[in-house]
C-alpha atoms as a PDB file:
ATOM      1  CA  MET A   1     110.068 129.573 101.228  1.00  0.00           C
ATOM      2  CA  ALA A   2     107.049 127.294 101.299  1.00  0.00           C
ATOM      3  CA  TYR A   3     105.517 125.935  97.845  1.00  0.00           C
ATOM      4  CA  ILE A   4     101.708 124.827  96.802  1.00  0.00           C
ATOM      5  CA  TYR A   5     101.344 122.031  94.113  1.00  0.00           C
ATOM      6  CA  ILE A   6      99.384 119.902  92.467  1.00  0.00           C
ATOM      7  CA  LEU A   7      99.698 115.980  92.059  1.00  0.00           C
ATOM      8  CA  GLN A   8      97.696 113.863  89.739  1.00  0.00           C
ATOM      9  CA  SER A   9      97.012 110.341  89.739  1.00  0.00           C
ATOM     10  CA  GLU A  10      98.053 108.709  86.766  1.00  0.00           C
ATOM     11  CA  LYS A  11      95.813 105.976  87.366  1.00  0.00           C
ATOM     12  CA  THR A  12      92.639 107.826  88.078  1.00  0.00           C
ATOM     13  CA  LYS A  13      93.743 110.881  86.417  1.00  0.00           C
ATOM     14  CA  ASN A  14      92.490 112.650  90.283  1.00  0.00           C
ATOM     15  CA  TYR A  15      94.319 115.924  91.651  1.00  0.00           C
ATOM     16  CA  TYR A  16      95.497 116.482  95.062  1.00  0.00           C
ATOM     17  CA  ILE A  17      95.928 119.814  96.378  1.00  0.00           C
ATOM     18  CA  GLY A  18      98.895 120.085  98.956  1.00  0.00           C
ATOM     19  CA  SER A  19     101.511 122.603 100.807  1.00  0.00           C
ATOM     20  CA  SER A  20     104.821 122.431 101.848  1.00  0.00           C
ATOM     21  CA  GLN A  21     107.978 124.409 103.630  1.00  0.00           C
ATOM     22  CA  ASN A  22     110.074 121.162 102.302  1.00  0.00           C
ATOM     23  CA  PHE A  23     108.614 120.136  98.613  1.00  0.00           C
ATOM     24  CA  GLU A  24     110.519 117.157  97.743  1.00  0.00           C
ATOM     25  CA  LYS A  25     110.758 115.538 101.279  1.00  0.00           C
ATOM     26  CA  ARG A  26     106.703 116.039 101.089  1.00  0.00           C
ATOM     27  CA  TYR A  27     106.493 114.716  97.667  1.00  0.00           C
ATOM     28  CA  LYS A  28     108.855 111.641  98.512  1.00  0.00           C
ATOM     29  CA  GLU A  29     106.333 110.823 101.293  1.00  0.00           C
ATOM     30  CA  HIS A  30     103.548 110.868  98.727  1.00  0.00           C
ATOM     31  CA  LEU A  31     105.253 108.858  96.179  1.00  0.00           C
ATOM     32  CA  ALA A  32     105.978 106.124  99.130  1.00  0.00           C
ATOM     33  CA  GLY A  33     102.852 105.751 100.265  1.00  0.00           C
ATOM     34  CA  ARG A  34     103.292 107.352 103.621  1.00  0.00           C
ATOM     35  CA  VAL A  35     100.581 110.186 102.756  1.00  0.00           C
ATOM     36  CA  ARG A  36      96.836 108.033 103.237  1.00  0.00           C
ATOM     37  CA  SER A  37      95.005 110.730 101.458  1.00  0.00           C
ATOM     38  CA  THR A  38      97.629 109.852  98.267  1.00  0.00           C
ATOM     39  CA  LYS A  39      98.002 106.362  99.150  1.00  0.00           C
ATOM     40  CA  ALA A  40      95.087 104.602  96.636  1.00  0.00           C
ATOM     41  CA  LEU A  41      96.094 107.483  93.722  1.00  0.00           C
ATOM     42  CA  LEU A  42      99.828 106.298  93.173  1.00  0.00           C
ATOM     43  CA  PRO A  43     101.075 106.461  91.331  1.00  0.00           C
ATOM     44  CA  LEU A  44     101.567 110.626  91.227  1.00  0.00           C
ATOM     45  CA  LYS A  45     103.176 113.277  89.046  1.00  0.00           C
ATOM     46  CA  VAL A  46     103.225 116.841  89.682  1.00  0.00           C
ATOM     47  CA  VAL A  47     101.564 118.982  87.094  1.00  0.00           C
ATOM     48  CA  LEU A  48     101.951 122.232  89.236  1.00  0.00           C
ATOM     49  CA  LYS A  49     104.663 123.431  92.056  1.00  0.00           C
ATOM     50  CA  GLN A  50     104.603 127.163  92.766  1.00  0.00           C
ATOM     51  CA  SER A  51     107.028 129.226  95.457  1.00  0.00           C
ATOM     52  CA  LEU A  52     105.354 131.314  97.876  1.00  0.00           C
ATOM     53  CA  PRO A  53     107.113 133.813 100.911  1.00  0.00           C
ATOM     54  CA  ASP A  54     105.949 131.979 103.101  1.00  0.00           C
ATOM     55  CA  ILE A  55     103.621 128.661 104.868  1.00  0.00           C
ATOM     56  CA  ASP A  56     100.845 130.983 105.951  1.00  0.00           C
ATOM     57  CA  ILE A  57     100.219 131.957 101.985  1.00  0.00           C
ATOM     58  CA  ALA A  58     100.843 128.572 100.977  1.00  0.00           C
ATOM     59  CA  LYS A  59      98.216 126.742 103.445  1.00  0.00           C
ATOM     60  CA  LYS A  60      95.637 129.827 102.648  1.00  0.00           C
ATOM     61  CA  LEU A  61      95.728 129.061  99.077  1.00  0.00           C
ATOM     62  CA  GLU A  62      95.681 125.782  99.273  1.00  0.00           C
ATOM     63  CA  LEU A  63      92.544 125.221 101.495  1.00  0.00           C
ATOM     64  CA  ARG A  64      90.734 127.756  99.002  1.00  0.00           C
ATOM     65  CA  LEU A  65      91.665 125.430  96.342  1.00  0.00           C
ATOM     66  CA  LYS A  66      90.474 122.691  97.785  1.00  0.00           C
ATOM     67  CA  LYS A  67      87.027 124.804  98.287  1.00  0.00           C
ATOM     68  CA  PHE A  68      86.616 125.231  94.550  1.00  0.00           C
ATOM     69  CA  LYS A  69      86.619 121.232  93.786  1.00  0.00           C
ATOM     70  CA  ARG A  70      86.045 122.065  90.066  1.00  0.00           C
ATOM     71  CA  ARG A  71      87.933 119.905  88.005  1.00  0.00           C
ATOM     72  CA  ASP A  72      87.841 122.274  85.036  1.00  0.00           C
ATOM     73  CA  PHE A  73      89.155 125.047  87.638  1.00  0.00           C
ATOM     74  CA  ILE A  74      91.965 123.270  88.912  1.00  0.00           C
ATOM     75  CA  GLU A  75      92.545 121.911  85.100  1.00  0.00           C
ATOM     76  CA  LYS A  76      93.013 125.635  84.237  1.00  0.00           C
ATOM     77  CA  ILE A  77      95.317 126.629  86.884  1.00  0.00           C
ATOM     78  CA  VAL A  78      97.152 123.663  85.363  1.00  0.00           C
ATOM     79  CA  LYS A  79      97.489 124.667  82.267  1.00  0.00           C
ATOM     80  CA  ASP A  80      98.381 128.521  83.101  1.00  0.00           C
ATOM     81  CA  GLY A  81     101.279 126.995  85.672  1.00  0.00           C
ATOM     82  CA  LYS A  82     100.304 129.736  88.300  1.00  0.00           C
ATOM     83  CA  VAL A  83      97.681 129.870  91.251  1.00  0.00           C
ATOM     84  CA  LYS A  84      97.903 133.258  92.343  1.00  0.00           C
ATOM     85  CA  SER A  85      95.986 134.597  89.619  1.00  0.00           C
ATOM     86  CA  TYR A  86      92.878 133.018  90.603  1.00  0.00           C
ATOM     87  CA  ILE A  87      93.075 133.665  94.350  1.00  0.00           C
END
């Protein structure tokens, strides 16, 4: 099992998109400030977490979402609560 997730900074309202096989462990790393790309965004909240069959699919979705870079697109995904229907 793998996950794609979107975190949002409570301070800046910016989004971070990631994927992991162990979401709970990875999220704790984000919250502890051990992830360079999210350290300045703390505190963070999970706005979307979706399970996927394997990590390869999760990584592909992560890269595709990161290419969009449009806030309105990411906000629509968060609102709908699902990634697959957009990819």
